C-alpha atoms as a PDB file:
ATOM      1  CA  UNK A   1     105.242 117.216 128.812  1.00  0.00           C
ATOM      2  CA  UNK A   2     102.524 115.303 127.607  1.00  0.00           C
ATOM      3  CA  UNK A   3     101.402 115.428 124.355  1.00  0.00           C
ATOM      4  CA  UNK A   4      97.086 116.213 124.946  1.00  0.00           C
ATOM      5  CA  UNK A   5      96.572 114.555 121.607  1.00  0.00           C
ATOM      6  CA  UNK A   6      99.344 112.067 119.374  1.00  0.00           C
ATOM      7  CA  UNK A   7      98.244 109.427 117.623  1.00  0.00           C
ATOM      8  CA  UNK A   8      99.380 107.063 114.599  1.00  0.00           C
ATOM      9  CA  UNK A   9      98.786 103.962 112.525  1.00  0.00           C
ATOM     10  CA  UNK A  10      99.883 102.590 110.307  1.00  0.00           C
ATOM     11  CA  UNK A  11      98.198 101.013 107.064  1.00  0.00           C
ATOM     12  CA  UNK A  12      98.614  97.988 104.688  1.00  0.00           C
ATOM     13  CA  UNK A  13      95.592  97.882 102.821  1.00  0.00           C
ATOM     14  CA  UNK A  14      93.056  99.749 100.490  1.00  0.00           C
ATOM     15  CA  UNK A  15      89.698 101.415 101.933  1.00  0.00           C
ATOM     16  CA  UNK A  16      88.205 104.004 104.038  1.00  0.00           C
ATOM     17  CA  UNK A  17      89.448 103.815 107.801  1.00  0.00           C
ATOM     18  CA  UNK A  18      87.903 105.012 111.036  1.00  0.00           C
ATOM     19  CA  UNK A  19      88.227 108.364 111.441  1.00  0.00           C
ATOM     20  CA  UNK A  20      90.130 110.111 114.072  1.00  0.00           C
ATOM     21  CA  UNK A  21      88.577 113.056 116.978  1.00  0.00           C
ATOM     22  CA  UNK A  22      90.003 115.925 117.385  1.00  0.00           C
ATOM     23  CA  UNK A  23      88.873 118.846 118.999  1.00  0.00           C
ATOM     24  CA  UNK A  24      87.549 121.259 117.649  1.00  0.00           C
ATOM     25  CA  UNK A  25      86.781 123.432 120.810  1.00  0.00           C
ATOM     26  CA  UNK A  26      90.583 124.569 121.548  1.00  0.00           C
ATOM     27  CA  UNK A  27      91.286 127.656 120.190  1.00  0.00           C
ATOM     28  CA  UNK A  28      93.521 128.272 118.432  1.00  0.00           C
ATOM     29  CA  UNK A  29      92.374 125.461 115.927  1.00  0.00           C
ATOM     30  CA  UNK A  30      96.195 124.141 115.007  1.00  0.00           C
ATOM     31  CA  UNK A  31      95.996 120.602 114.033  1.00  0.00           C
ATOM     32  CA  UNK A  32      99.899 118.881 111.883  1.00  0.00           C
ATOM     33  CA  UNK A  33      99.098 115.200 109.744  1.00  0.00           C
ATOM     34  CA  UNK A  34     101.560 113.995 108.319  1.00  0.00           C
ATOM     35  CA  UNK A  35     101.274 111.199 106.230  1.00  0.00           C
ATOM     36  CA  UNK A  36     104.668 109.090 105.367  1.00  0.00           C
ATOM     37  CA  UNK A  37     105.002 106.277 102.754  1.00  0.00           C
ATOM     38  CA  UNK A  38     107.496 103.585 103.344  1.00  0.00           C
ATOM     39  CA  UNK A  39     108.070 102.056 100.361  1.00  0.00           C
ATOM     40  CA  UNK A  40     105.858 100.990  97.423  1.00  0.00           C
ATOM     41  CA  UNK A  41     103.434 102.875  95.262  1.00  0.00           C
ATOM     42  CA  UNK A  42      99.851 104.605  97.240  1.00  0.00           C
ATOM     43  CA  UNK A  43      96.730 106.434  95.988  1.00  0.00           C
ATOM     44  CA  UNK A  44      95.660 107.787  98.861  1.00  0.00           C
ATOM     45  CA  UNK A  45      92.800 111.386  99.912  1.00  0.00           C
ATOM     46  CA  UNK A  46      92.258 113.065 103.026  1.00  0.00           C
ATOM     47  CA  UNK A  47      88.464 113.698 104.532  1.00  0.00           C
ATOM     48  CA  UNK A  48      87.087 116.029 106.817  1.00  0.00           C
ATOM     49  CA  UNK A  49      83.488 116.711 108.887  1.00  0.00           C
ATOM     50  CA  UNK A  50      82.104 118.785 110.625  1.00  0.00           C
ATOM     51  CA  UNK A  51      79.544 116.010 112.214  1.00  0.00           C
ATOM     52  CA  UNK A  52      79.219 115.780 115.743  1.00  0.00           C
ATOM     53  CA  UNK A  53      81.809 112.987 117.251  1.00  0.00           C
ATOM     54  CA  UNK A  54      78.857 110.786 118.647  1.00  0.00           C
ATOM     55  CA  UNK A  55      77.690 110.781 114.987  1.00  0.00           C
ATOM     56  CA  UNK A  56      78.622 107.373 113.518  1.00  0.00           C
ATOM     57  CA  UNK A  57      81.152 107.800 110.456  1.00  0.00           C
ATOM     58  CA  UNK A  58      78.450 105.860 107.760  1.00  0.00           C
ATOM     59  CA  UNK A  59      76.733 108.879 108.951  1.00  0.00           C
ATOM     60  CA  UNK A  60      78.248 111.315 108.984  1.00  0.00           C
ATOM     61  CA  UNK A  61      79.069 113.778 106.246  1.00  0.00           C
ATOM     62  CA  UNK A  62      82.069 114.242 104.362  1.00  0.00           C
ATOM     63  CA  UNK A  63      84.504 116.468 102.868  1.00  0.00           C
ATOM     64  CA  UNK A  64      87.448 115.571 100.943  1.00  0.00           C
ATOM     65  CA  UNK A  65      90.565 118.101 101.885  1.00  0.00           C
ATOM     66  CA  UNK A  66      92.427 120.122  99.605  1.00  0.00           C
ATOM     67  CA  UNK A  67      95.760 119.900 101.903  1.00  0.00           C
ATOM     68  CA  UNK A  68      96.048 115.967 101.069  1.00  0.00           C
ATOM     69  CA  UNK A  69      92.869 116.193  97.787  1.00  0.00           C
ATOM     70  CA  UNK A  70      92.493 112.811  96.138  1.00  0.00           C
ATOM     71  CA  UNK A  71      95.120 110.686  94.060  1.00  0.00           C
ATOM     72  CA  UNK A  72      97.526 111.511  96.661  1.00  0.00           C
ATOM     73  CA  UNK A  73     100.988 109.154  96.057  1.00  0.00           C
ATOM     74  CA  UNK A  74     103.790 110.592  98.286  1.00  0.00           C
ATOM     75  CA  UNK A  75     104.677 111.700 101.866  1.00  0.00           C
ATOM     76  CA  UNK A  76     103.303 115.295 102.580  1.00  0.00           C
ATOM     77  CA  UNK A  77     102.181 117.342 105.548  1.00  0.00           C
ATOM     78  CA  UNK A  78      99.226 119.390 106.700  1.00  0.00           C
ATOM     79  CA  UNK A  79      98.051 121.987 108.565  1.00  0.00           C
ATOM     80  CA  UNK A  80      94.995 122.478 109.876  1.00  0.00           C
ATOM     81  CA  UNK A  81      93.303 125.867 110.725  1.00  0.00           C
ATOM     82  CA  UNK A  82      89.299 124.862 110.350  1.00  0.00           C
ATOM     83  CA  UNK A  83      87.636 123.393 113.672  1.00  0.00           C
ATOM     84  CA  UNK A  84      86.654 120.036 112.234  1.00  0.00           C
ATOM     85  CA  UNK A  85      85.764 117.667 114.342  1.00  0.00           C
ATOM     86  CA  UNK A  86      86.972 114.649 112.452  1.00  0.00           C
ATOM     87  CA  UNK A  87      89.673 113.457 109.882  1.00  0.00           C
ATOM     88  CA  UNK A  88      90.516 109.521 108.708  1.00  0.00           C
ATOM     89  CA  UNK A  89      92.078 108.321 104.997  1.00  0.00           C
ATOM     90  CA  UNK A  90      90.873 106.900 102.027  1.00  0.00           C
ATOM     91  CA  UNK A  91      92.988 104.590 100.446  1.00  0.00           C
ATOM     92  CA  UNK A  92      92.182 103.646  97.277  1.00  0.00           C
ATOM     93  CA  UNK A  93      95.862 101.832  96.032  1.00  0.00           C
ATOM     94  CA  UNK A  94      98.997 101.022  98.145  1.00  0.00           C
ATOM     95  CA  UNK A  95     101.398  98.189  96.820  1.00  0.00           C
ATOM     96  CA  UNK A  96     104.789  96.689  98.653  1.00  0.00           C
ATOM     97  CA  UNK A  97     104.537  99.563 101.481  1.00  0.00           C
ATOM     98  CA  UNK A  98     102.940 100.600 104.046  1.00  0.00           C
ATOM     99  CA  UNK A  99     101.197 104.421 104.927  1.00  0.00           C
ATOM    100  CA  UNK A 100     101.833 105.675 107.788  1.00  0.00           C
ATOM    101  CA  UNK A 101      99.226 108.383 109.480  1.00  0.00           C
ATOM    102  CA  UNK A 102     100.206 110.849 112.349  1.00  0.00           C
ATOM    103  CA  UNK A 103      97.396 113.797 113.975  1.00  0.00           C
ATOM    104  CA  UNK A 104      99.323 115.731 116.696  1.00  0.00           C
ATOM    105  CA  UNK A 105      96.761 118.327 118.218  1.00  0.00           C
ATOM    106  CA  UNK A 106      98.114 120.685 120.902  1.00  0.00           C
ATOM    107  CA  UNK A 107      95.810 122.007 124.079  1.00  0.00           C
ATOM    108  CA  UNK A 108      94.597 125.884 125.147  1.00  0.00           C
ATOM    109  CA  UNK A 109      96.573 127.874 126.934  1.00  0.00           C
ATOM    110  CA  UNK A 110      93.706 130.150 127.785  1.00  0.00           C
END
């Protein structure tokens, strides 16, 4: 069995990172997002958008998540049940380590 949607990326610098598209049409919508800090210190947050996937990140409406709020400084796992169209991470500070984001979304069996 393959993972329909599994992505992982490691960050070493600050900034608003490119978003990852999700599939909001999958019922029931479930996504797991894990952030892992390898060492050092970090200050980050996750944002989500309901804007269509063909809208550029710069033009999408973004909202801070309550699952991974601003000033998060440790590894965390979040389970999302709202059908967001995409998510991204904003890293305010990172020093002496890396932050890895993993996203897993299953497929519908309907």
